Amino acid sequence: MLNVLYYLSSEEQWTAAELTERTGHARATIYRNLRTLTNRAMATKEHSRYKLREEFNGLHLFASKLRHHVHRVRIKLKSDVPETGVCDRANVTPGVLNEHYDRRSQREKMEQRRGYLDNI
């Protein structure tokens, strides 16, 4: 459900097929999530396109923040891997990695580089 809410907002409409492609979930799972949201009047459906109702847009923001937090944790767990390896695995550019995800000090970065070079 959180992956659906990550994409579904009050500003943009999505079809179930588009959500299936974006999330990687089975179409039946997407339809089940969309049915739950529409049955509870949290989302609307117009011509096979779904969007969240304005008053529930906070769910989209929550799902977005949670997904980014999970992404940060996954990247942090890979901190013993060189930057290029993390960028490739996490599908982020080095600039994005350094600006948004890397919480290490300059000294910690230096020590990591030394440790990595010593193991080559």
Protein backbone atom coordinates (compact mmCIF):
# COMPACT_ATOMS: atom_id res chain seq x y z
CA MET A 1 0.00 0.00 0.00
CA LEU A 2 2.82 2.44 0.81
CA ASN A 3 4.30 2.00 -2.65
CA VAL A 4 0.95 2.88 -4.20
CA LEU A 5 0.61 5.91 -1.92
CA TYR A 6 4.14 6.98 -2.90
CA TYR A 7 2.93 7.58 -6.46
CA LEU A 8 -0.74 8.37 -5.88
CA SER A 9 -1.41 12.00 -5.00
CA SER A 10 -4.19 14.53 -5.43
CA GLU A 11 -2.26 16.25 -8.22
CA GLU A 12 -1.55 13.39 -10.60
CA GLN A 13 -3.75 10.58 -11.89
CA TRP A 14 -2.52 7.03 -12.50
CA THR A 15 -3.95 3.92 -14.10
CA ALA A 16 -3.58 0.56 -12.39
CA ALA A 17 -1.28 -0.56 -15.22
CA GLU A 18 1.00 2.45 -14.67
CA LEU A 19 1.14 1.79 -10.93
CA THR A 20 1.86 -1.88 -11.58
CA GLU A 21 4.78 -0.94 -13.82
CA ARG A 22 6.17 1.67 -11.42
CA THR A 23 5.88 -0.36 -8.22
CA GLY A 24 6.73 -3.80 -9.57
CA HIS A 25 3.77 -5.30 -7.70
CA ALA A 26 1.29 -7.68 -9.24
CA ARG A 27 -1.70 -6.05 -10.89
CA ALA A 28 -4.04 -7.86 -8.46
CA THR A 29 -2.19 -6.25 -5.53
CA ILE A 30 -2.50 -2.80 -7.09
CA TYR A 31 -6.22 -3.27 -7.72
CA ARG A 32 -6.74 -4.50 -4.15
CA ASN A 33 -4.95 -1.39 -2.79
CA LEU A 34 -6.88 0.94 -5.10
CA ARG A 35 -10.18 -0.72 -4.19
CA THR A 36 -9.41 -0.22 -0.49
CA LEU A 37 -8.62 3.45 -1.04
CA THR A 38 -11.71 4.10 -3.18
CA ASN A 39 -14.06 2.13 -0.88
CA ARG A 40 -12.91 4.28 2.03
CA ALA A 41 -13.38 7.46 -0.07
CA MET A 42 -9.68 8.25 0.16
CA ALA A 43 -9.15 8.07 -3.60
CA THR A 44 -11.30 8.71 -6.63
CA LYS A 45 -11.52 6.93 -9.97
CA GLU A 46 -12.34 8.70 -13.24
CA HIS A 47 -12.11 6.83 -16.55
CA SER A 48 -9.76 4.15 -15.14
CA ARG A 49 -7.49 6.79 -13.61
CA TYR A 50 -7.01 7.07 -9.85
CA LYS A 51 -5.91 9.92 -7.62
CA LEU A 52 -6.03 10.68 -3.92
CA ARG A 53 -8.61 13.09 -2.62
CA GLU A 54 -7.11 16.39 -1.56
CA GLU A 55 -7.71 15.86 2.16
CA PHE A 56 -5.69 12.62 2.08
CA ASN A 57 -2.64 14.02 0.32
CA GLY A 58 -0.80 13.80 3.65
CA LEU A 59 -0.70 10.02 3.11
CA HIS A 60 1.25 10.60 -0.10
CA LEU A 61 3.69 12.86 1.74
CA PHE A 62 4.09 10.31 4.55
CA ALA A 63 4.71 7.46 2.07
CA SER A 64 7.24 9.60 0.22
CA LYS A 65 9.17 10.48 3.37
CA LEU A 66 9.08 6.89 4.60
CA ARG A 67 10.34 5.54 1.28
CA HIS A 68 13.23 8.02 1.26
CA HIS A 69 14.05 7.14 4.87
CA VAL A 70 14.17 3.44 3.99
CA HIS A 71 16.38 4.28 1.02
CA ARG A 72 18.75 6.24 3.28
CA VAL A 73 18.96 3.34 5.74
CA ARG A 74 19.75 0.89 2.93
CA ILE A 75 22.47 3.18 1.61
CA LYS A 76 23.88 3.66 5.12
CA LEU A 77 24.07 -0.10 5.62
CA LYS A 78 26.27 -0.26 2.54
CA SER A 79 28.69 2.36 3.89
CA ASP A 80 31.66 -0.03 3.73
CA VAL A 81 31.29 -0.09 -0.07
CA PRO A 82 33.04 2.58 -2.17
CA GLU A 83 30.92 5.48 -3.39
CA THR A 84 30.68 4.21 -6.97
CA GLY A 85 29.39 0.86 -5.76
CA VAL A 86 26.76 2.51 -3.57
CA CYS A 87 25.69 4.82 -6.40
CA ASP A 88 25.25 1.92 -8.79
CA ARG A 89 23.42 -0.27 -6.29
CA ALA A 90 21.14 2.48 -4.93
CA ASN A 91 20.58 4.07 -8.36
CA VAL A 92 21.64 7.57 -7.28
CA THR A 93 24.25 9.95 -8.64
CA PRO A 94 27.35 10.76 -6.57
CA GLY A 95 26.06 14.31 -6.10
CA VAL A 96 22.71 13.13 -4.73
CA LEU A 97 24.48 10.58 -2.55
CA ASN A 98 26.78 13.20 -1.02
CA GLU A 99 24.11 15.88 -0.62
CA HIS A 100 21.21 13.87 0.77
CA TYR A 101 22.42 10.54 2.12
CA ASP A 102 26.03 10.70 3.28
CA ARG A 103 26.16 11.71 6.94
CA ARG A 104 29.84 10.86 7.50
CA SER A 105 32.39 13.47 8.53
CA GLN A 106 35.38 14.24 6.30
CA ARG A 107 37.56 12.19 8.66
CA GLU A 108 35.24 9.18 8.45
CA LYS A 109 35.31 9.41 4.66
CA MET A 110 39.10 9.54 4.68
CA GLU A 111 39.35 6.50 6.97
CA GLN A 112 36.94 4.57 4.79
CA ARG A 113 39.00 5.33 1.67
CA ARG A 114 42.18 4.21 3.45
CA GLY A 115 40.54 0.98 4.61
CA TYR A 116 39.25 0.26 1.12
CA LEU A 117 42.64 0.94 -0.51
CA ASP A 118 44.43 -1.24 2.05
CA ASN A 119 42.20 -4.17 1.04
CA ILE A 120 42.95 -3.93 -2.68
